[in-house]
C-alpha cells in the first residue's frame, strides 16, 4: 500500500495520529477539536508547565471550555509532551507556533525553523506537514520545504506532503470557534490537497481549497491588512473629528444605516493582538524582494504606531484643562487586554499608553479583571489594582483603554474626577460638562 493510500485509510477510519506543535491560542483549541472527534492527538510543547497542565486536564486558554479539555484528556485522545522525538509516532504534524517581528519589523522565523528541524529529524514516511502560523507568501514552499528535505533526507510529494492552512482564531468570539470557522487550505500537489482536506474535514465543518500554499498565505495577510488599514483610517478620522467637535461614534452609527458599501470599524488607542499589528509587515517584508513598496501598509502602520502617543497627549490635555500637569498626576487605566472580555494583552496599545504616561512623570496604575499582571515590551511588570471607590476618587484621571462589559460605567463616571474615554465606554449623552473627554 502506498504512503498516500495508507494515510487516507487512517484518516477515513480515524486511526490517524495528529501532532500539534505549540499549544497556545491556536494549537490547543485545534488539538481539542480533533480530539473531540475521537482522533488521537499528541501536543508538542517547549514549556513543561503547559504540557503538564494539559496532561492534568487543566485549561489555560479562554476559548476552550474547561470540561471539554478535561473530557478529551480523560478519554486519552489528547496528551502533551516536551519530547519531540515522539513526532515519529505522528501521521500529520500541524505547526501552530508564534511568528513575531523583531525590533526592525522583520519576520522572526526561528520558531517555524525549529519546528521544521524537529519534524525533519523524526518524521516517518507518509506524513502531512501543515503550517498554521501566519507568515509571508512563499514560506511553505521556499522556506519550510528545503529544511524538511534537508533534515529528513526525504522528498516532498513522495515521502511527505506540505500544506498551509491559516489559523482564524478570534479570542472571545462567542459564535465562531475553531470547528465552525471556515478554514482555507492550500497544498502542494493534488495528493497533498486530498490529504489535507480529508484530515481537516474531521475537525472543521467548512473548508475552502485554494490553488497553492502561497495563495493561502496571502489570504491570511489580506484579512489582517484589511483590518489594519480600516482601523487606522477610522483612528485618524476620530482625531480629526475631535478637533472639529464631532462625535465620531455618532457618525459611525449613522453610516452603518447604509445597507451596502460600508462596514463599521471603530477607533481606539491603537491596534492590538498578535495578528493585526504584525501580519501586514510580513507582506511588506516579502514585497521588498520583488522591488515593490506597500505604501498603504506603511501609512496605516504609522498611524497605528502613533496612536498611543496621541492618547498620552489627550490625557495630558484633559488634565491640563482641569488645572493638573501630567507630571505628578495619578492616572488609573481601565483594561489592558487588547479587546473586550478576554485575558490576552499581546501587543495591547494600553500598555504602550501606560508606558508613555509613566515616562512623563505620572503615577500609573491599572485595573483589568481578566489580567492581574501584565508585562510590557520592555519587560516591565505591571500589577493590577482593585477597582475600589477609593481608587477611582484618588485618580486625577481615569482612562478607558478596554471596554470590558463588566465595567460598571455609571459607578465609574460618578466616582471619577476626570475620564478620558478611548473606547466609547461612556455612551450617555448627558454627562457632567467637561468631565469626560472622548477620543
Protein backbone atom coordinates (compact mmCIF):
# COMPACT_ATOMS: atom_id res chain seq x y z
CA UNK A 1 0.00 0.00 0.00
CA UNK A 2 1.37 3.43 -0.96
CA UNK A 3 2.03 6.18 1.57
CA UNK A 4 -0.92 8.08 0.12
CA UNK A 5 -3.31 5.15 0.43
CA UNK A 6 -2.09 4.45 3.97
CA UNK A 7 -2.70 7.94 5.35
CA UNK A 8 -6.04 8.30 3.54
CA UNK A 9 -7.20 5.00 5.06
CA UNK A 10 -6.09 6.13 8.52
CA UNK A 11 -7.96 9.41 8.14
CA UNK A 12 -11.08 7.58 6.96
CA UNK A 13 -11.18 5.25 9.96
CA UNK A 14 -9.85 7.91 12.38
CA UNK A 15 -6.81 5.86 13.34
CA UNK A 16 -4.63 8.77 12.17
CA UNK A 17 -2.45 10.33 14.86
CA UNK A 18 -2.11 14.11 14.72
CA UNK A 19 0.79 16.04 16.23
CA UNK A 20 0.13 19.69 17.09
CA UNK A 21 3.27 21.74 17.69
CA UNK A 22 2.60 24.68 20.00
CA UNK A 23 -0.31 24.52 22.45
CA UNK A 24 -1.22 28.18 22.64
CA UNK A 25 -4.20 30.25 21.47
CA UNK A 26 -4.25 28.42 18.14
CA UNK A 27 -2.79 24.99 18.82
CA UNK A 28 -4.70 23.91 21.92
CA UNK A 29 -8.21 24.68 20.56
CA UNK A 30 -7.28 22.87 17.34
CA UNK A 31 -5.96 19.87 19.28
CA UNK A 32 -9.18 19.73 21.33
CA UNK A 33 -11.29 19.96 18.15
CA UNK A 34 -9.57 16.89 16.68
CA UNK A 35 -9.60 15.00 19.98
CA UNK A 36 -13.35 15.60 20.44
CA UNK A 37 -13.88 13.70 17.17
CA UNK A 38 -12.05 10.68 18.54
CA UNK A 39 -8.74 11.33 16.79
CA UNK A 40 -5.61 10.72 18.84
CA UNK A 41 -3.73 13.98 19.26
CA UNK A 42 -0.25 14.47 20.67
CA UNK A 43 0.57 18.07 21.56
CA UNK A 44 4.19 19.20 21.49
CA UNK A 45 5.34 21.98 23.82
CA UNK A 46 8.66 23.54 24.78
CA UNK A 47 7.04 24.53 28.08
CA UNK A 48 6.96 21.68 30.56
CA UNK A 49 4.44 23.64 32.62
CA UNK A 50 1.94 23.80 29.73
CA UNK A 51 2.44 20.13 28.87
CA UNK A 52 1.85 19.15 32.50
CA UNK A 53 -1.29 21.30 32.68
CA UNK A 54 -2.74 19.71 29.53
CA UNK A 55 -1.99 16.20 30.81
CA UNK A 56 -3.73 17.10 34.07
CA UNK A 57 -6.76 18.39 32.16
CA UNK A 58 -6.16 21.93 33.41
CA UNK A 59 -7.17 24.59 30.91
CA UNK A 60 -5.28 27.87 30.34
CA UNK A 61 -6.96 29.10 27.12
CA UNK A 62 -10.10 31.22 27.42
CA UNK A 63 -11.75 29.95 24.23
CA UNK A 64 -11.81 26.34 25.49
CA UNK A 65 -14.37 25.11 27.97
CA UNK A 66 -12.64 23.56 30.98
CA UNK A 67 -14.83 20.47 30.80
CA UNK A 68 -14.02 19.98 27.09
CA UNK A 69 -10.30 19.75 27.77
CA UNK A 70 -10.80 17.54 30.81
CA UNK A 71 -13.03 15.18 28.80
CA UNK A 72 -10.60 14.57 25.92
CA UNK A 73 -7.68 14.12 28.31
CA UNK A 74 -9.69 11.61 30.34
CA UNK A 75 -10.65 9.80 27.13
CA UNK A 76 -6.93 9.61 26.24
CA UNK A 77 -7.49 11.23 22.84
CA UNK A 78 -5.31 14.21 23.83
CA UNK A 79 -1.97 14.22 25.60
CA UNK A 80 1.04 16.55 25.58
CA UNK A 81 4.78 16.08 25.64
CA UNK A 82 8.06 18.00 25.51
CA UNK A 83 9.77 15.04 23.80
CA UNK A 84 9.89 15.98 20.13
CA UNK A 85 11.30 12.59 19.14
CA UNK A 86 7.71 11.37 19.51
CA UNK A 87 6.95 13.10 16.22
CA UNK A 88 7.91 9.71 14.80
CA UNK A 89 4.51 8.47 16.03
CA UNK A 90 2.54 11.06 14.05
CA UNK A 91 0.84 10.74 10.67
CA UNK A 92 0.33 14.51 10.49
CA UNK A 93 2.19 17.41 12.09
CA UNK A 94 0.45 20.78 12.38
CA UNK A 95 2.65 23.76 13.29
CA UNK A 96 0.99 26.42 15.47
CA UNK A 97 3.97 28.39 16.80
CA UNK A 98 4.47 32.15 17.28
CA UNK A 99 5.61 34.31 14.37
CA UNK A 100 6.69 37.62 15.90
CA UNK A 101 8.50 40.55 14.34
CA UNK A 102 11.92 41.63 15.54
CA UNK A 103 12.68 45.20 16.60
CA UNK A 104 13.29 46.14 12.95
CA UNK A 105 9.85 44.75 11.97
CA UNK A 106 11.40 41.81 10.13
CA UNK A 107 9.78 38.36 10.46
CA UNK A 108 11.28 36.16 13.16
CA UNK A 109 11.17 32.73 11.52
CA UNK A 110 13.08 30.94 14.28
CA UNK A 111 10.01 29.17 15.73
CA UNK A 112 8.92 27.82 12.34
CA UNK A 113 12.50 26.83 11.53
CA UNK A 114 12.93 24.97 14.83
CA UNK A 115 9.65 23.12 14.26
CA UNK A 116 10.70 22.08 10.76
CA UNK A 117 14.07 20.86 12.05
CA UNK A 118 12.35 18.75 14.72
CA UNK A 119 9.84 17.32 12.25
CA UNK A 120 12.55 16.61 9.68
CA UNK A 121 14.72 14.77 12.20
CA UNK A 122 11.98 12.48 13.45
CA UNK A 123 9.20 12.21 10.88
CA UNK A 124 8.21 8.89 9.38
CA UNK A 125 7.46 8.48 5.65
CA UNK A 126 3.98 9.45 4.53
CA UNK A 127 3.38 12.35 6.91
CA UNK A 128 1.41 15.51 6.16
CA UNK A 129 3.07 18.69 7.47
CA UNK A 130 0.76 21.69 7.80
CA UNK A 131 1.67 25.22 8.84
CA UNK A 132 -0.99 27.37 10.52
CA UNK A 133 1.27 30.14 11.86
CA UNK A 134 0.85 33.42 9.99
CA UNK A 135 3.75 34.19 7.67
CA UNK A 136 4.65 35.72 4.32
CA UNK A 137 3.63 34.12 1.00
CA UNK A 138 6.16 31.51 -0.28
CA UNK A 139 7.14 30.38 3.24
CA UNK A 140 5.76 26.85 2.86
CA UNK A 141 7.45 26.23 -0.48
CA UNK A 142 10.68 28.22 -0.24
CA UNK A 143 11.44 28.17 3.50
CA UNK A 144 9.90 25.04 5.02
CA UNK A 145 10.31 22.53 2.21
CA UNK A 146 14.13 22.80 1.94
CA UNK A 147 14.55 22.45 5.72
CA UNK A 148 12.29 19.40 5.90
CA UNK A 149 14.02 17.73 2.95
CA UNK A 150 17.49 18.51 4.31
CA UNK A 151 16.80 17.27 7.83
CA UNK A 152 14.85 14.17 6.82
CA UNK A 153 16.60 13.09 3.63
CA UNK A 154 13.10 12.62 2.19
CA UNK A 155 11.38 14.23 -0.80
CA UNK A 156 8.26 16.34 -0.68
CA UNK A 157 5.48 14.86 -2.80
CA UNK A 158 6.81 11.32 -2.48
CA UNK A 159 7.77 10.80 1.17
CA UNK A 160 5.79 13.61 2.77
CA UNK A 161 3.27 16.30 1.86
CA UNK A 162 3.05 20.00 2.64
CA UNK A 163 0.19 22.43 3.09
CA UNK A 164 -0.63 25.81 4.62
CA UNK A 165 -3.91 26.42 6.40
CA UNK A 166 -4.04 29.79 8.17
CA UNK A 167 -5.39 29.98 11.70
CA UNK A 168 -8.52 32.03 12.15
CA UNK A 169 -8.78 32.50 15.88
CA UNK A 170 -10.83 35.38 17.27
CA UNK A 171 -10.38 35.29 21.05
CA UNK A 172 -13.59 35.94 22.92
CA UNK A 173 -15.86 35.35 19.92
CA UNK A 174 -18.90 33.50 21.29
CA UNK A 175 -20.28 32.48 17.89
CA UNK A 176 -17.25 31.33 15.91
CA UNK A 177 -14.77 28.82 17.32
CA UNK A 178 -12.17 26.59 15.69
CA UNK A 179 -14.62 23.97 14.44
CA UNK A 180 -17.24 26.25 12.85
CA UNK A 181 -15.00 28.94 11.36
CA UNK A 182 -14.49 28.25 7.63
CA UNK A 183 -10.92 27.10 7.01
CA UNK A 184 -8.75 27.85 3.99
CA UNK A 185 -6.39 25.13 2.76
CA UNK A 186 -3.60 25.43 0.19
CA UNK A 187 -1.37 22.41 -0.54
CA UNK A 188 1.49 21.38 -2.80
CA UNK A 189 0.03 18.99 -5.35
CA UNK A 190 -3.20 17.02 -5.73
CA UNK A 191 -2.30 14.31 -3.22
CA UNK A 192 -1.47 16.89 -0.55
CA UNK A 193 -4.77 18.64 -1.26
CA UNK A 194 -6.72 15.40 -0.84
CA UNK A 195 -4.96 14.52 2.41
CA UNK A 196 -5.26 18.00 3.93
CA UNK A 197 -8.96 18.30 3.08
CA UNK A 198 -9.70 14.84 4.45
CA UNK A 199 -7.74 15.44 7.66
CA UNK A 200 -9.09 18.91 8.45
CA UNK A 201 -12.57 17.74 7.45
CA UNK A 202 -12.65 15.58 10.57
CA UNK A 203 -12.48 18.59 12.90
CA UNK A 204 -13.64 21.59 10.82
CA UNK A 205 -17.14 22.00 9.41
CA UNK A 206 -16.37 24.14 6.33
CA UNK A 207 -13.22 24.01 4.18
CA UNK A 208 -12.22 26.20 1.25
CA UNK A 209 -9.48 24.95 -1.07
CA UNK A 210 -7.17 27.39 -2.85
CA UNK A 211 -4.66 26.56 -5.55
CA UNK A 212 -1.42 26.72 -3.57
CA UNK A 213 0.15 27.36 -0.17
CA UNK A 214 1.22 30.84 -1.26
CA UNK A 215 -2.39 31.70 -2.11
CA UNK A 216 -3.48 30.52 1.35
CA UNK A 217 -0.65 32.51 2.95
CA UNK A 218 -1.82 35.62 1.09
CA UNK A 219 -5.41 35.06 2.27
CA UNK A 220 -4.36 35.42 5.91
CA UNK A 221 -2.27 38.51 5.21
CA UNK A 222 -5.14 40.09 3.25
CA UNK A 223 -7.61 39.54 6.09
CA UNK A 224 -5.47 41.29 8.67
CA UNK A 225 -4.10 44.01 6.38
CA UNK A 226 -7.71 44.92 5.55
CA UNK A 227 -8.44 45.37 9.25
CA UNK A 228 -5.23 47.32 9.98
CA UNK A 229 -5.89 49.79 7.18
CA UNK A 230 -9.54 50.36 8.07
CA UNK A 231 -8.93 50.70 11.81
CA UNK A 232 -6.06 53.09 11.16
CA UNK A 233 -8.32 55.11 8.85
CA UNK A 234 -11.06 55.44 11.47
CA UNK A 235 -8.48 56.30 14.14
CA UNK A 236 -7.19 59.16 12.00
CA UNK A 237 -10.72 60.38 11.28
CA UNK A 238 -11.54 60.18 15.00
CA UNK A 239 -8.64 62.51 15.77
CA UNK A 240 -9.87 64.99 13.17
CA UNK A 241 -13.47 64.68 14.37
CA UNK A 242 -12.33 65.50 17.90
CA UNK A 243 -10.76 68.73 16.70
CA UNK A 244 -13.97 69.60 14.87
CA UNK A 245 -16.20 68.84 17.88
CA UNK A 246 -17.85 65.91 16.07
CA UNK A 247 -18.66 62.65 17.86
CA UNK A 248 -17.06 60.01 15.61
CA UNK A 249 -19.15 57.21 17.17
CA UNK A 250 -22.34 59.05 16.23
CA UNK A 251 -21.02 59.34 12.70
CA UNK A 252 -20.20 55.61 12.51
CA UNK A 253 -23.63 54.59 13.79
CA UNK A 254 -25.26 56.80 11.17
CA UNK A 255 -23.05 55.44 8.38
CA UNK A 256 -24.00 51.88 9.44
CA UNK A 257 -27.58 52.55 8.41
CA UNK A 258 -26.49 52.27 4.79
CA UNK A 259 -27.35 48.68 3.80
CA UNK A 260 -24.48 48.30 1.32
CA UNK A 261 -20.96 49.56 0.67
CA UNK A 262 -20.00 50.28 4.27
CA UNK A 263 -18.55 48.17 7.09
CA UNK A 264 -18.12 49.72 10.52
CA UNK A 265 -14.69 49.90 12.16
CA UNK A 266 -14.18 51.60 15.48
CA UNK A 267 -11.42 53.86 16.83
CA UNK A 268 -9.32 53.24 19.90
CA UNK A 269 -5.89 53.82 21.42
CA UNK A 270 -4.24 51.62 18.80
CA UNK A 271 -4.47 48.12 17.33
CA UNK A 272 -3.55 45.12 19.48
CA UNK A 273 -3.42 41.36 19.33
CA UNK A 274 -0.90 39.13 17.63
CA UNK A 275 -2.34 39.42 14.11
CA UNK A 276 -3.39 42.89 13.00
CA UNK A 277 -0.38 44.96 14.17
CA UNK A 278 2.15 42.38 12.89
CA UNK A 279 0.92 40.34 9.94
CA UNK A 280 0.85 43.10 7.28
CA UNK A 281 4.56 43.65 7.84
CA UNK A 282 5.24 40.05 6.79
CA UNK A 283 3.84 41.01 3.41
CA UNK A 284 5.87 44.21 3.37
CA UNK A 285 9.00 42.12 4.02
CA UNK A 286 8.49 39.75 1.09
CA UNK A 287 7.30 42.57 -1.21
CA UNK A 288 10.74 44.17 -0.97
CA UNK A 289 12.16 41.05 -2.59
CA UNK A 290 10.00 41.86 -5.60
CA UNK A 291 11.07 45.53 -5.59
CA UNK A 292 7.57 46.58 -4.54
CA UNK A 293 6.71 49.17 -1.90
CA UNK A 294 3.45 48.72 0.01
CA UNK A 295 2.80 52.38 0.77
CA UNK A 296 -0.70 51.88 2.16
CA UNK A 297 0.51 49.35 4.75
CA UNK A 298 3.29 51.75 5.70
CA UNK A 299 0.87 54.63 6.17
CA UNK A 300 -1.59 52.54 8.19
CA UNK A 301 1.21 51.17 10.35
CA UNK A 302 2.49 54.67 11.07
CA UNK A 303 -0.98 55.87 12.12
CA UNK A 304 -1.40 52.89 14.42
CA UNK A 305 2.08 53.28 15.93
CA UNK A 306 1.42 56.93 16.74
CA UNK A 307 -1.95 56.37 18.45
CA UNK A 308 -0.55 55.57 21.93
CA UNK A 309 1.47 58.82 21.85
CA UNK A 310 -1.60 60.76 20.75
CA UNK A 311 -3.57 59.18 23.59
CA UNK A 312 -0.87 60.29 26.01
CA UNK A 313 -1.28 63.83 24.65
CA UNK A 314 -5.05 63.52 25.05
CA UNK A 315 -4.63 62.57 28.71
CA UNK A 316 -2.22 65.47 29.23
CA UNK A 317 -4.66 67.86 27.53
CA UNK A 318 -7.59 66.69 29.69
CA UNK A 319 -5.55 67.05 32.88
CA UNK A 320 -4.35 70.47 31.82
CA UNK A 321 -7.94 71.62 31.28
CA UNK A 322 -8.54 70.64 34.89
CA UNK A 323 -5.50 72.56 36.15
CA UNK A 324 -3.31 69.50 36.61
CA UNK A 325 0.02 68.62 34.95
CA UNK A 326 0.66 65.10 33.66
CA UNK A 327 3.88 65.10 35.65
CA UNK A 328 2.87 64.04 39.15
CA UNK A 329 -0.70 63.10 38.23
CA UNK A 330 -2.31 59.87 39.41
CA UNK A 331 -3.64 58.10 36.29
CA UNK A 332 -5.75 54.93 36.51
CA UNK A 333 -6.19 52.84 33.34
CA UNK A 334 -9.16 50.52 32.90
CA UNK A 335 -8.32 47.46 30.81
CA UNK A 336 -5.03 46.20 29.37
CA UNK A 337 -6.45 43.40 27.20
CA UNK A 338 -6.28 44.31 23.52
CA UNK A 339 -10.04 43.71 23.08
CA UNK A 340 -13.03 43.41 25.42
CA UNK A 341 -13.77 40.44 27.67
CA UNK A 342 -10.59 38.41 27.06
CA UNK A 343 -7.40 37.77 29.03
CA UNK A 344 -4.95 38.50 26.20
CA UNK A 345 -2.63 41.54 26.46
CA UNK A 346 -0.49 40.73 23.39
CA UNK A 347 0.53 43.92 21.56
CA UNK A 348 -2.02 45.81 23.63
CA UNK A 349 -1.95 49.56 22.95
CA UNK A 350 -2.99 50.15 26.58
CA UNK A 351 0.44 49.04 27.78
CA UNK A 352 2.11 51.45 25.36
CA UNK A 353 -0.05 54.36 26.55
CA UNK A 354 0.68 53.47 30.18
CA UNK A 355 4.40 53.37 29.45
CA UNK A 356 4.37 56.79 27.77
CA UNK A 357 2.29 58.38 30.54
CA UNK A 358 4.64 56.97 33.17
CA UNK A 359 7.65 58.35 31.27
CA UNK A 360 6.13 61.81 31.57
CA UNK A 361 6.21 61.53 35.36
CA UNK A 362 2.70 60.34 36.14
CA UNK A 363 1.92 57.72 38.76
CA UNK A 364 0.31 54.94 36.71
CA UNK A 365 -1.91 52.06 37.84
CA UNK A 366 -4.39 49.81 36.07
CA UNK A 367 -7.34 47.56 36.71
CA UNK A 368 -8.30 44.61 34.50
CA UNK A 369 -10.40 41.78 35.94
CA UNK A 370 -9.02 39.37 33.34
CA UNK A 371 -5.32 40.26 33.65
CA UNK A 372 -3.99 40.67 37.20
CA UNK A 373 -0.43 41.15 35.95
CA UNK A 374 0.95 42.33 32.61
CA UNK A 375 4.43 42.69 31.10
CA UNK A 376 5.17 45.45 28.57
CA UNK A 377 7.55 45.18 25.61
CA UNK A 378 10.48 46.31 27.76
CA UNK A 379 9.90 43.62 30.36
CA UNK A 380 8.40 45.93 32.98
CA UNK A 381 5.86 44.08 35.12
CA UNK A 382 2.62 45.92 35.87
CA UNK A 383 0.39 44.68 38.68
CA UNK A 384 -3.30 45.47 38.65
CA UNK A 385 -5.18 47.18 41.46
CA UNK A 386 -8.71 46.71 42.79
CA UNK A 387 -11.35 49.00 41.27
CA UNK A 388 -12.48 50.46 44.57
CA UNK A 389 -14.36 53.69 45.08
CA UNK A 390 -11.22 54.98 46.79
CA UNK A 391 -9.01 54.16 43.79
CA UNK A 392 -11.44 55.94 41.45
CA UNK A 393 -11.70 59.00 43.68
CA UNK A 394 -7.94 59.28 44.19
CA UNK A 395 -7.17 59.17 40.47
CA UNK A 396 -6.66 62.55 38.81
CA UNK A 397 -7.67 60.88 35.56
CA UNK A 398 -9.36 57.56 34.75
CA UNK A 399 -8.71 56.22 31.23
CA UNK A 400 -10.88 53.63 29.46
CA UNK A 401 -8.43 51.64 27.32
CA UNK A 402 -10.53 48.46 27.05
CA UNK A 403 -14.32 48.42 27.22
CA UNK A 404 -14.90 45.24 29.22
CA UNK A 405 -18.62 44.54 29.59
CA UNK A 406 -18.20 44.02 33.33
CA UNK A 407 -17.18 47.62 33.99
CA UNK A 408 -19.87 49.49 35.89
CA UNK A 409 -19.66 52.65 33.78
CA UNK A 410 -22.25 54.60 35.79
CA UNK A 411 -20.34 53.98 39.01
CA UNK A 412 -17.02 54.89 37.39
CA UNK A 413 -18.44 58.14 35.98
CA UNK A 414 -19.97 59.01 39.36
CA UNK A 415 -16.76 58.43 41.36
CA UNK A 416 -14.06 59.68 38.96
CA UNK A 417 -12.94 63.32 38.79
CA UNK A 418 -11.96 63.14 35.12
CA UNK A 419 -12.32 60.49 32.40
CA UNK A 420 -10.58 60.01 29.07
CA UNK A 421 -12.67 57.55 27.07
CA UNK A 422 -10.80 55.95 24.15
CA UNK A 423 -13.39 53.19 23.59
CA UNK A 424 -16.78 54.92 23.76
CA UNK A 425 -17.47 53.15 27.05
CA UNK A 426 -19.35 56.22 28.31
CA UNK A 427 -22.25 56.44 25.88
CA UNK A 428 -24.65 58.66 27.80
CA UNK A 429 -25.43 61.92 26.06
CA UNK A 430 -25.90 63.99 29.20
CA UNK A 431 -22.63 63.89 31.11
CA UNK A 432 -21.34 66.43 33.57
CA UNK A 433 -19.82 69.15 31.40
CA UNK A 434 -16.08 68.83 30.93
CA UNK A 435 -15.70 65.61 32.93
CA UNK A 436 -15.48 63.09 30.06
CA UNK A 437 -13.09 63.54 27.14
CA UNK A 438 -13.66 61.31 24.12
CA UNK A 439 -11.00 60.10 21.71
